[in-house]
Amino acid sequence: MQKLIATAMFFLFFLLTSSYAAEIPANTDMHVRLGVNYFKLSKYEQAARELQKALELNPQIRDVHGILGVTLYHLKSYDEALEVLETAVRLNPDITENYYNLGLVYLEKGMAKDAIRALQQALELSPQLAEVHSLLGFLYSQSRTNDKAIQHYGQAIELGSNSADNYYNLGIAYYNSGNLDEALSAYQKAIALKSDLPEFFNALGITYQAKAMLTKAEEAHLQAIVLDSNSVEDHFQLGVIYDLQGNLKEAISEYQKTIQLEPRHTDAHTRLGIVYYKQRAYDQAASAFQKALAIKPDLVEARINFGITLKEMGQPEAALAQFQAAINILDQATLNNLTTIAEKGA
């Protein structure tokens, strides 16, 4: 359900003032201004080249490091961007945007703790920046620190960033914390602001399912499919809903659509097998379980249900073999968990 926030990077064009120009020679200033103009035109390679020339002439120009860091971010040169932005922060520690952009680079490099630290420094300088709260909300949501995610998304919205994305991500944080009513409210607000994104309706449907409100869940997933007919997850969730409602024919249809769209969807194969079992179509059930296990041999649910099906088909020894395989998988998983705990303790 989680998706990355579409967050714009800050960029301080206003730093190129007359006082700034007075600090550096004219030839250096020319490279800086060319770099800025190329940046405005989204010509990032040319911008980076000019800004790097400026820094070769004068490495201590404080503001140019921040601009170059943003440029390198757009070029996806994250290692270089990180080095340049860390220099920008060291040379000019009072610029909020440098910390924010540094946080974005850390995020791209998978350094979540460093990103949080940089963004918290940005908030110390400018507590009212909604964008920083939004990005912190995302990072805390990723780590399932839901209380902090809810806090920061809420602050972003209070500060005027009441975007559909913020409400959607706030809904995810509420859902993950078990507060389903607040999650529904947030998703509904997201949809009121932007009603053409299937993932919003998918999240709404899943939340209704969690509240056992199956009719509303069905409506939400159907709307998601209207927006994206190839939505694997929504076809699958409709199959689950129809199965729960006892509408086995429709459940089969939706699981089959899921498999057509994603042939390696083990949950769809497994649930399709369970529905066939309910219909006493044991051959088809066995085939579905076998397909799931061909994709993921350690799928315990499929092995147990395959064993039950084989027993109904009059194959007790084959059934016993599946049950034993399931036990072996569970035993190995338990052993792996205990080993991990022991290693952490050591």
Protein backbone atom coordinates (compact mmCIF):
# COMPACT_ATOMS: atom_id res chain seq x y z
CA MET A 1 0.00 0.00 0.00
CA GLN A 2 2.83 2.38 0.75
CA LYS A 3 4.12 4.65 -1.99
CA LEU A 4 6.80 7.28 -2.14
CA ILE A 5 5.73 10.86 -1.65
CA ALA A 6 6.17 13.11 -4.65
CA THR A 7 8.34 15.67 -2.89
CA ALA A 8 9.96 18.59 -4.68
CA MET A 9 13.50 19.61 -3.80
CA PHE A 10 14.19 23.11 -2.53
CA PHE A 11 16.47 25.37 -4.48
CA LEU A 12 17.70 28.78 -3.31
CA PHE A 13 17.89 30.95 -6.42
CA PHE A 14 17.64 34.06 -4.27
CA LEU A 15 21.08 33.39 -2.81
CA LEU A 16 22.66 34.76 -5.98
CA THR A 17 22.41 38.37 -4.83
CA SER A 18 24.70 41.33 -5.30
CA SER A 19 26.42 40.62 -1.98
CA TYR A 20 27.04 37.09 -3.17
CA ALA A 21 28.53 38.32 -6.44
CA ALA A 22 30.85 40.64 -4.56
CA GLU A 23 32.47 37.69 -2.81
CA ILE A 24 33.83 36.02 -5.96
CA PRO A 25 35.71 36.97 -9.14
CA ALA A 26 33.71 37.73 -12.28
CA ASN A 27 34.84 34.60 -14.15
CA THR A 28 33.71 32.36 -11.28
CA ASP A 29 30.41 34.20 -11.06
CA MET A 30 29.87 33.65 -14.78
CA HIS A 31 30.13 29.88 -14.37
CA VAL A 32 27.73 29.96 -11.42
CA ARG A 33 25.12 31.96 -13.30
CA LEU A 34 25.43 29.74 -16.36
CA GLY A 35 24.97 26.72 -14.11
CA VAL A 36 21.86 28.21 -12.53
CA ASN A 37 20.36 29.04 -15.91
CA TYR A 38 21.05 25.53 -17.21
CA PHE A 39 19.43 24.16 -14.06
CA LYS A 40 16.30 26.24 -14.67
CA LEU A 41 16.14 24.73 -18.16
CA SER A 42 16.52 21.21 -16.68
CA LYS A 43 19.82 20.82 -18.50
CA TYR A 44 21.46 19.20 -15.53
CA GLU A 45 24.64 17.88 -17.15
CA GLN A 46 25.55 21.35 -18.43
CA ALA A 47 24.55 22.86 -15.08
CA ALA A 48 26.78 20.44 -13.18
CA ARG A 49 29.71 21.14 -15.50
CA GLU A 50 29.48 24.93 -15.02
CA LEU A 51 29.00 24.71 -11.26
CA GLN A 52 31.96 22.33 -10.93
CA LYS A 53 34.12 24.80 -12.90
CA ALA A 54 33.08 27.53 -10.48
CA LEU A 55 34.12 25.39 -7.51
CA GLU A 56 37.42 24.50 -9.15
CA LEU A 57 38.15 28.22 -9.29
CA ASN A 58 36.89 28.86 -5.76
CA PRO A 59 36.12 25.75 -3.63
CA GLN A 60 34.86 27.80 -0.70
CA ILE A 61 31.82 29.35 -2.40
CA ARG A 62 29.27 28.25 0.15
CA ASP A 63 26.00 28.50 -1.78
CA VAL A 64 27.23 26.76 -4.94
CA HIS A 65 27.75 23.45 -3.16
CA GLY A 66 24.05 23.31 -2.32
CA ILE A 67 23.04 24.11 -5.89
CA LEU A 68 25.46 21.54 -7.31
CA GLY A 69 24.19 18.92 -4.86
CA VAL A 70 20.64 19.38 -6.12
CA THR A 71 21.86 19.19 -9.72
CA LEU A 72 23.70 15.92 -9.07
CA TYR A 73 20.57 14.55 -7.37
CA HIS A 74 18.61 15.15 -10.58
CA LEU A 75 21.35 13.34 -12.48
CA LYS A 76 20.95 10.42 -10.03
CA SER A 77 24.63 10.78 -9.11
CA TYR A 78 23.77 10.18 -5.47
CA ASP A 79 27.29 9.47 -4.16
CA GLU A 80 28.58 12.74 -5.61
CA ALA A 81 25.47 14.60 -4.46
CA LEU A 82 25.97 13.28 -0.94
CA GLU A 83 29.58 14.44 -0.79
CA VAL A 84 28.74 17.89 -2.17
CA LEU A 85 25.72 18.44 0.10
CA GLU A 86 27.66 17.34 3.18
CA THR A 87 30.20 19.99 2.23
CA ALA A 88 27.39 22.51 1.77
CA VAL A 89 26.11 21.80 5.28
CA ARG A 90 29.58 22.10 6.75
CA LEU A 91 30.29 25.41 5.01
CA ASN A 92 26.82 26.87 5.53
CA PRO A 93 25.10 25.16 8.49
CA ASP A 94 22.22 27.64 8.71
CA ILE A 95 20.53 26.81 5.39
CA THR A 96 17.45 24.64 5.94
CA GLU A 97 17.21 23.51 2.34
CA ASN A 98 20.66 21.93 2.35
CA TYR A 99 19.62 19.62 5.19
CA TYR A 100 16.35 18.80 3.44
CA ASN A 101 18.09 17.97 0.16
CA LEU A 102 20.70 15.98 2.04
CA GLY A 103 17.86 13.99 3.60
CA LEU A 104 16.49 13.21 0.14
CA VAL A 105 19.88 11.95 -1.03
CA TYR A 106 20.24 9.77 2.07
CA LEU A 107 16.76 8.38 1.32
CA GLU A 108 17.76 7.47 -2.24
CA LYS A 109 20.82 5.68 -0.89
CA GLY A 110 18.74 3.70 1.60
CA MET A 111 20.26 5.50 4.61
CA ALA A 112 17.01 6.12 6.47
CA LYS A 113 18.50 6.96 9.87
CA ASP A 114 20.82 9.54 8.34
CA ALA A 115 17.90 10.98 6.36
CA ILE A 116 15.85 11.37 9.54
CA ARG A 117 18.76 13.07 11.30
CA ALA A 118 19.23 15.55 8.42
CA LEU A 119 15.52 16.33 8.28
CA GLN A 120 15.34 16.86 12.03
CA GLN A 121 18.15 19.40 11.65
CA ALA A 122 16.12 21.09 8.94
CA LEU A 123 13.15 21.33 11.33
CA GLU A 124 15.32 22.85 14.03
CA LEU A 125 16.03 25.71 11.62
CA SER A 126 12.54 25.93 10.09
CA PRO A 127 9.85 24.11 12.13
CA GLN A 128 7.03 25.29 9.88
CA LEU A 129 8.15 23.62 6.65
CA ALA A 130 5.37 21.20 5.65
CA GLU A 131 7.56 19.40 3.12
CA VAL A 132 10.01 18.33 5.81
CA HIS A 133 7.19 16.98 7.98
CA SER A 134 5.82 15.06 4.97
CA LEU A 135 9.15 13.40 4.25
CA LEU A 136 9.70 12.57 7.92
CA GLY A 137 6.22 11.05 7.97
CA PHE A 138 7.16 8.86 5.04
CA LEU A 139 10.41 7.71 6.63
CA TYR A 140 8.75 6.89 9.94
CA SER A 141 5.97 5.07 8.12
CA GLN A 142 8.56 2.99 6.27
CA SER A 143 10.04 1.88 9.58
CA ARG A 144 6.55 1.28 11.03
CA THR A 145 7.10 3.98 13.64
CA ASN A 146 3.46 4.82 13.12
CA ASP A 147 2.93 7.28 15.97
CA LYS A 148 5.68 9.55 14.65
CA ALA A 149 4.48 9.10 11.07
CA ILE A 150 0.97 10.17 12.09
CA GLN A 151 2.38 13.13 14.00
CA HIS A 152 4.43 14.45 11.08
CA TYR A 153 1.78 13.89 8.42
CA GLY A 154 -0.70 15.67 10.68
CA GLN A 155 1.66 18.60 11.10
CA ALA A 156 2.25 18.79 7.36
CA ILE A 157 -1.50 18.99 6.77
CA GLU A 158 -1.95 21.59 9.52
CA LEU A 159 0.76 23.69 7.91
CA GLY A 160 -1.20 23.79 4.68
CA SER A 161 0.15 20.80 2.77
CA ASN A 162 -3.25 19.10 2.61
CA SER A 163 -2.35 17.17 -0.52
CA ALA A 164 -3.96 13.90 -1.53
CA ASP A 165 -0.61 12.14 -1.00
CA ASN A 166 -0.34 13.35 2.58
CA TYR A 167 -3.84 12.14 3.43
CA TYR A 168 -3.20 8.82 1.67
CA ASN A 169 0.07 8.24 3.52
CA LEU A 170 -1.55 9.35 6.78
CA GLY A 171 -4.20 6.68 6.13
CA ILE A 172 -1.47 4.06 5.74
CA ALA A 173 0.08 5.06 9.06
CA TYR A 174 -3.31 4.86 10.79
CA TYR A 175 -4.00 1.48 9.15
CA ASN A 176 -0.65 0.09 10.25
CA SER A 177 -1.33 1.30 13.80
CA GLY A 178 -4.72 -0.49 13.81
CA ASN A 179 -6.81 2.70 13.79
CA LEU A 180 -9.08 1.71 10.92
CA ASP A 181 -11.68 4.45 11.33
CA GLU A 182 -9.05 7.19 11.10
CA ALA A 183 -7.51 5.37 8.14
CA LEU A 184 -10.85 5.37 6.32
CA SER A 185 -11.31 9.07 7.02
CA ALA A 186 -7.85 9.89 5.67
CA TYR A 187 -8.33 7.79 2.50
CA GLN A 188 -11.70 9.41 1.86
CA LYS A 189 -10.11 12.87 2.13
CA ALA A 190 -7.38 11.79 -0.28
CA ILE A 191 -9.99 10.59 -2.77
CA ALA A 192 -11.97 13.82 -2.39
CA LEU A 193 -8.85 15.71 -3.48
CA LYS A 194 -7.77 13.28 -6.22
CA SER A 195 -10.20 10.63 -7.36
CA ASP A 196 -8.30 9.13 -10.31
CA LEU A 197 -5.65 7.07 -8.48
CA PRO A 198 -6.48 3.35 -8.18
CA GLU A 199 -4.14 2.87 -5.22
CA PHE A 200 -6.32 5.19 -3.14
CA PHE A 201 -9.37 2.99 -3.76
CA ASN A 202 -7.31 -0.15 -3.21
CA ALA A 203 -6.28 1.09 0.24
CA LEU A 204 -9.86 2.10 1.00
CA GLY A 205 -11.09 -1.36 0.00
CA ILE A 206 -8.50 -3.18 2.09
CA THR A 207 -9.46 -1.10 5.12
CA TYR A 208 -13.15 -1.84 4.63
CA GLN A 209 -12.22 -5.54 4.40
CA ALA A 210 -10.38 -5.30 7.70
CA LYS A 211 -13.59 -3.91 9.22
CA ALA A 212 -15.59 -6.77 7.62
CA MET A 213 -17.55 -4.21 5.53
CA LEU A 214 -17.42 -6.41 2.44
CA THR A 215 -19.93 -4.59 0.26
CA LYS A 216 -18.11 -1.28 0.63
CA ALA A 217 -14.79 -3.08 0.11
CA GLU A 218 -16.13 -4.59 -3.11
CA GLU A 219 -17.26 -1.16 -4.34
CA ALA A 220 -13.84 0.34 -3.64
CA HIS A 221 -11.92 -2.42 -5.45
CA LEU A 222 -14.30 -2.28 -8.41
CA GLN A 223 -13.66 1.47 -8.68
CA ALA A 224 -9.91 0.81 -8.60
CA ILE A 225 -10.37 -1.62 -11.50
CA VAL A 226 -12.37 0.99 -13.42
CA LEU A 227 -9.30 3.22 -13.13
CA ASP A 228 -6.85 0.39 -13.86
CA SER A 229 -8.29 -2.79 -15.33
CA ASN A 230 -4.92 -4.54 -14.92
CA SER A 231 -4.67 -3.96 -11.18
CA VAL A 232 -3.46 -7.36 -9.94
CA GLU A 233 -4.05 -6.59 -6.27
CA ASP A 234 -7.62 -5.38 -6.77
CA HIS A 235 -8.64 -8.44 -8.78
CA PHE A 236 -7.10 -10.61 -6.07
CA GLN A 237 -8.87 -8.76 -3.26
CA LEU A 238 -12.18 -9.05 -5.10
CA GLY A 239 -11.57 -12.80 -5.24
CA VAL A 240 -11.06 -12.83 -1.47
CA ILE A 241 -14.25 -10.82 -0.92
CA TYR A 242 -16.37 -13.04 -3.18
CA ASP A 243 -14.92 -16.11 -1.47
CA LEU A 244 -15.90 -14.72 1.94
CA GLN A 245 -19.37 -13.92 0.62
CA GLY A 246 -19.78 -17.48 -0.67
CA ASN A 247 -19.85 -16.31 -4.29
CA LEU A 248 -17.43 -19.00 -5.41
CA LYS A 249 -17.98 -18.62 -9.15
CA GLU A 250 -17.00 -14.94 -9.04
CA ALA A 251 -14.13 -15.73 -6.69
CA ILE A 252 -12.72 -18.21 -9.21
CA SER A 253 -13.08 -15.66 -11.99
CA GLU A 254 -11.17 -12.99 -10.07
CA TYR A 255 -8.40 -15.38 -8.97
CA GLN A 256 -8.01 -16.51 -12.58
CA LYS A 257 -7.78 -12.87 -13.73
CA THR A 258 -5.14 -12.29 -11.09
CA ILE A 259 -3.12 -15.24 -12.37
CA GLN A 260 -3.50 -14.10 -15.99
CA LEU A 261 -2.02 -10.74 -14.99
CA GLU A 262 0.60 -12.20 -12.63
CA PRO A 263 1.22 -15.91 -13.31
CA ARG A 264 3.52 -16.23 -10.27
CA HIS A 265 0.96 -14.91 -7.77
CA THR A 266 1.19 -17.77 -5.26
CA ASP A 267 -1.63 -16.48 -3.05
CA ALA A 268 -4.01 -16.48 -6.02
CA HIS A 269 -3.06 -20.05 -6.95
CA THR A 270 -3.47 -21.17 -3.33
CA ARG A 271 -6.83 -19.47 -2.80
CA LEU A 272 -8.06 -20.72 -6.16
CA GLY A 273 -7.22 -24.23 -4.98
CA ILE A 274 -9.16 -23.68 -1.75
CA VAL A 275 -12.23 -22.53 -3.68
CA TYR A 276 -12.03 -25.57 -5.97
CA TYR A 277 -11.76 -27.75 -2.85
CA LYS A 278 -14.94 -26.16 -1.47
CA GLN A 279 -16.63 -27.15 -4.75
CA ARG A 280 -15.24 -30.68 -4.39
CA ALA A 281 -13.35 -30.17 -7.65
CA TYR A 282 -10.35 -31.98 -6.20
CA ASP A 283 -8.35 -32.44 -9.40
CA GLN A 284 -8.49 -28.71 -10.12
CA ALA A 285 -7.71 -27.92 -6.49
CA ALA A 286 -4.66 -30.18 -6.55
CA SER A 287 -3.46 -28.59 -9.78
CA ALA A 288 -3.77 -25.10 -8.29
CA PHE A 289 -1.81 -26.08 -5.16
CA GLN A 290 0.88 -27.74 -7.28
CA LYS A 291 1.29 -24.54 -9.31
CA ALA A 292 1.67 -22.50 -6.14
CA LEU A 293 4.29 -24.91 -4.81
CA ALA A 294 6.17 -24.97 -8.11
CA ILE A 295 6.65 -21.23 -7.65
CA LYS A 296 7.30 -21.30 -3.90
CA PRO A 297 8.05 -24.77 -2.50
CA ASP A 298 8.11 -23.60 1.13
CA LEU A 299 4.53 -22.26 1.05
CA VAL A 300 3.07 -24.00 4.10
CA GLU A 301 -0.57 -23.06 3.43
CA ALA A 302 -0.44 -24.59 -0.04
CA ARG A 303 1.26 -27.77 1.22
CA ILE A 304 -1.29 -28.33 4.00
CA ASN A 305 -4.24 -27.75 1.69
CA PHE A 306 -2.66 -29.91 -0.99
CA GLY A 307 -2.35 -32.68 1.61
CA ILE A 308 -6.00 -32.32 2.64
CA THR A 309 -7.01 -32.47 -1.02
CA LEU A 310 -4.91 -35.57 -1.68
CA LYS A 311 -6.54 -37.25 1.32
CA GLU A 312 -9.97 -36.57 -0.17
CA MET A 313 -8.71 -38.00 -3.47
CA GLY A 314 -7.85 -41.28 -1.73
CA GLN A 315 -4.08 -40.78 -1.65
CA PRO A 316 -3.25 -40.95 2.08
CA GLU A 317 0.50 -41.59 1.65
CA ALA A 318 0.90 -38.64 -0.70
CA ALA A 319 -1.16 -36.53 1.71
CA LEU A 320 1.07 -37.55 4.62
CA ALA A 321 4.15 -36.57 2.62
CA GLN A 322 2.73 -33.06 2.15
CA PHE A 323 1.90 -32.73 5.84
CA GLN A 324 5.41 -33.87 6.77
CA ALA A 325 6.93 -31.38 4.32
CA ALA A 326 4.87 -28.61 5.90
CA ILE A 327 6.11 -29.61 9.37
CA ASN A 328 9.71 -29.64 8.15
CA ILE A 329 9.30 -26.14 6.71
CA LEU A 330 7.84 -24.85 9.98
CA ASP A 331 10.58 -26.54 12.01
CA GLN A 332 13.27 -24.99 9.80
CA ALA A 333 11.65 -21.57 10.10
CA THR A 334 11.57 -21.92 13.90
CA LEU A 335 15.23 -22.98 13.91
CA ASN A 336 16.19 -20.02 11.72
CA ASN A 337 14.34 -17.62 14.03
CA LEU A 338 16.01 -19.05 17.11
CA THR A 339 19.42 -18.82 15.43
CA THR A 340 18.78 -15.18 14.53
CA ILE A 341 17.73 -14.39 18.11
CA ALA A 342 20.81 -16.14 19.47
CA GLU A 343 23.10 -14.27 17.09
CA LYS A 344 21.57 -10.93 18.09
CA GLY A 345 21.95 -11.84 21.74
CA ALA A 346 25.59 -12.67 21.20
